[in-house]
């Protein structure tokens, strides 16, 4: 992520992010948290989230990503 992934939510899928390089912040349900290389973030279904910063992530999505499940909130 370089820049921003806008606030959004997934109703059916869960995501787990592993930050590989860099730093930034993640917003989860209105709270902001700093992230950096080594951070692991699990996002259950239904939790609004956004990413900001300059970092590389590995993203695990269960079940597989379906664009119809993503809803922008901004």
C-alpha atoms as a PDB file:
ATOM      1  CA  UNK A   1       0.000   0.000   0.000  1.00  0.00           C
ATOM      2  CA  UNK A   2       1.412   3.348  -0.993  1.00  0.00           C
ATOM      3  CA  UNK A   3      -1.031   6.047  -0.130  1.00  0.00           C
ATOM      4  CA  UNK A   4      -4.405   4.881   1.022  1.00  0.00           C
ATOM      5  CA  UNK A   5      -6.924   2.043   0.843  1.00  0.00           C
ATOM      6  CA  UNK A   6     -10.220   3.810   1.567  1.00  0.00           C
ATOM      7  CA  UNK A   7     -12.512   2.841   4.426  1.00  0.00           C
ATOM      8  CA  UNK A   8     -14.448  -0.282   3.474  1.00  0.00           C
ATOM      9  CA  UNK A   9     -16.005  -3.429   4.903  1.00  0.00           C
ATOM     10  CA  UNK A  10     -16.442  -7.049   3.867  1.00  0.00           C
ATOM     11  CA  UNK A  11     -19.577  -8.795   5.120  1.00  0.00           C
ATOM     12  CA  UNK A  12     -18.497 -12.399   4.519  1.00  0.00           C
ATOM     13  CA  UNK A  13     -14.720 -12.589   4.336  1.00  0.00           C
ATOM     14  CA  UNK A  14     -11.947 -12.249   6.895  1.00  0.00           C
ATOM     15  CA  UNK A  15      -8.551 -10.746   6.114  1.00  0.00           C
ATOM     16  CA  UNK A  16      -5.180 -11.101   7.768  1.00  0.00           C
ATOM     17  CA  UNK A  17      -2.441  -8.627   6.839  1.00  0.00           C
ATOM     18  CA  UNK A  18       1.252  -9.260   7.473  1.00  0.00           C
ATOM     19  CA  UNK A  19       3.341  -6.096   7.050  1.00  0.00           C
ATOM     20  CA  UNK A  20       6.550  -7.057   5.257  1.00  0.00           C
ATOM     21  CA  UNK A  21       8.195  -3.650   4.855  1.00  0.00           C
ATOM     22  CA  UNK A  22       7.582   0.002   5.716  1.00  0.00           C
ATOM     23  CA  UNK A  23       5.165   1.673   8.077  1.00  0.00           C
ATOM     24  CA  UNK A  24       1.806   3.407   8.259  1.00  0.00           C
ATOM     25  CA  UNK A  25      -1.495   3.035  10.043  1.00  0.00           C
ATOM     26  CA  UNK A  26      -4.622   0.940   9.909  1.00  0.00           C
ATOM     27  CA  UNK A  27      -8.056   2.063  10.980  1.00  0.00           C
ATOM     28  CA  UNK A  28     -10.302  -0.616  12.503  1.00  0.00           C
ATOM     29  CA  UNK A  29     -13.850   0.303  13.546  1.00  0.00           C
ATOM     30  CA  UNK A  30     -12.860   3.957  13.973  1.00  0.00           C
ATOM     31  CA  UNK A  31      -9.644   3.341  15.963  1.00  0.00           C
ATOM     32  CA  UNK A  32      -6.224   3.964  14.403  1.00  0.00           C
ATOM     33  CA  UNK A  33      -3.147   1.829  15.016  1.00  0.00           C
ATOM     34  CA  UNK A  34       0.448   2.219  13.850  1.00  0.00           C
ATOM     35  CA  UNK A  35       1.803  -0.666  11.778  1.00  0.00           C
ATOM     36  CA  UNK A  36       5.336  -1.506  10.664  1.00  0.00           C
ATOM     37  CA  UNK A  37       7.324  -4.448   9.352  1.00  0.00           C
ATOM     38  CA  UNK A  38       6.388  -7.502  11.436  1.00  0.00           C
ATOM     39  CA  UNK A  39       2.870  -6.324  12.340  1.00  0.00           C
ATOM     40  CA  UNK A  40       0.079  -8.874  11.868  1.00  0.00           C
ATOM     41  CA  UNK A  41      -3.515  -7.641  11.715  1.00  0.00           C
ATOM     42  CA  UNK A  42      -6.591  -9.884  11.617  1.00  0.00           C
ATOM     43  CA  UNK A  43      -9.834  -8.310  10.387  1.00  0.00           C
ATOM     44  CA  UNK A  44     -13.014 -10.354  10.974  1.00  0.00           C
ATOM     45  CA  UNK A  45     -16.014  -9.994   8.649  1.00  0.00           C
ATOM     46  CA  UNK A  46     -18.062  -6.847   9.250  1.00  0.00           C
ATOM     47  CA  UNK A  47     -15.200  -4.721  10.656  1.00  0.00           C
ATOM     48  CA  UNK A  48     -14.741  -1.418   8.778  1.00  0.00           C
ATOM     49  CA  UNK A  49     -11.079  -0.832   7.923  1.00  0.00           C
ATOM     50  CA  UNK A  50      -8.718   1.452   5.987  1.00  0.00           C
ATOM     51  CA  UNK A  51      -4.960   1.548   5.390  1.00  0.00           C
ATOM     52  CA  UNK A  52      -2.634   4.556   5.051  1.00  0.00           C
ATOM     53  CA  UNK A  53       1.112   4.737   4.615  1.00  0.00           C
ATOM     54  CA  UNK A  54       3.937   3.252   2.616  1.00  0.00           C
ATOM     55  CA  UNK A  55       4.293  -0.458   3.266  1.00  0.00           C
ATOM     56  CA  UNK A  56       4.169  -3.851   1.589  1.00  0.00           C
ATOM     57  CA  UNK A  57       1.711  -6.391   2.926  1.00  0.00           C
ATOM     58  CA  UNK A  58       0.890 -10.031   2.457  1.00  0.00           C
ATOM     59  CA  UNK A  59      -2.906 -10.380   2.529  1.00  0.00           C
ATOM     60  CA  UNK A  60      -4.669 -13.646   3.402  1.00  0.00           C
ATOM     61  CA  UNK A  61      -8.396 -13.675   2.551  1.00  0.00           C
ATOM     62  CA  UNK A  62     -10.870 -16.390   3.630  1.00  0.00           C
ATOM     63  CA  UNK A  63     -13.033 -17.291   1.772  1.00  0.00           C
ATOM     64  CA  UNK A  64     -11.410 -16.182  -1.516  1.00  0.00           C
ATOM     65  CA  UNK A  65     -11.914 -12.506  -2.400  1.00  0.00           C
ATOM     66  CA  UNK A  66     -15.190 -11.614  -4.103  1.00  0.00           C
ATOM     67  CA  UNK A  67     -15.482  -7.961  -5.273  1.00  0.00           C
ATOM     68  CA  UNK A  68     -19.231  -8.086  -4.619  1.00  0.00           C
ATOM     69  CA  UNK A  69     -18.461  -8.513  -0.890  1.00  0.00           C
ATOM     70  CA  UNK A  70     -16.555  -5.203  -0.616  1.00  0.00           C
ATOM     71  CA  UNK A  71     -18.512  -2.044   0.277  1.00  0.00           C
ATOM     72  CA  UNK A  72     -16.866   1.396   0.400  1.00  0.00           C
ATOM     73  CA  UNK A  73     -17.885   3.495   3.402  1.00  0.00           C
ATOM     74  CA  UNK A  74     -16.445   6.918   2.476  1.00  0.00           C
END
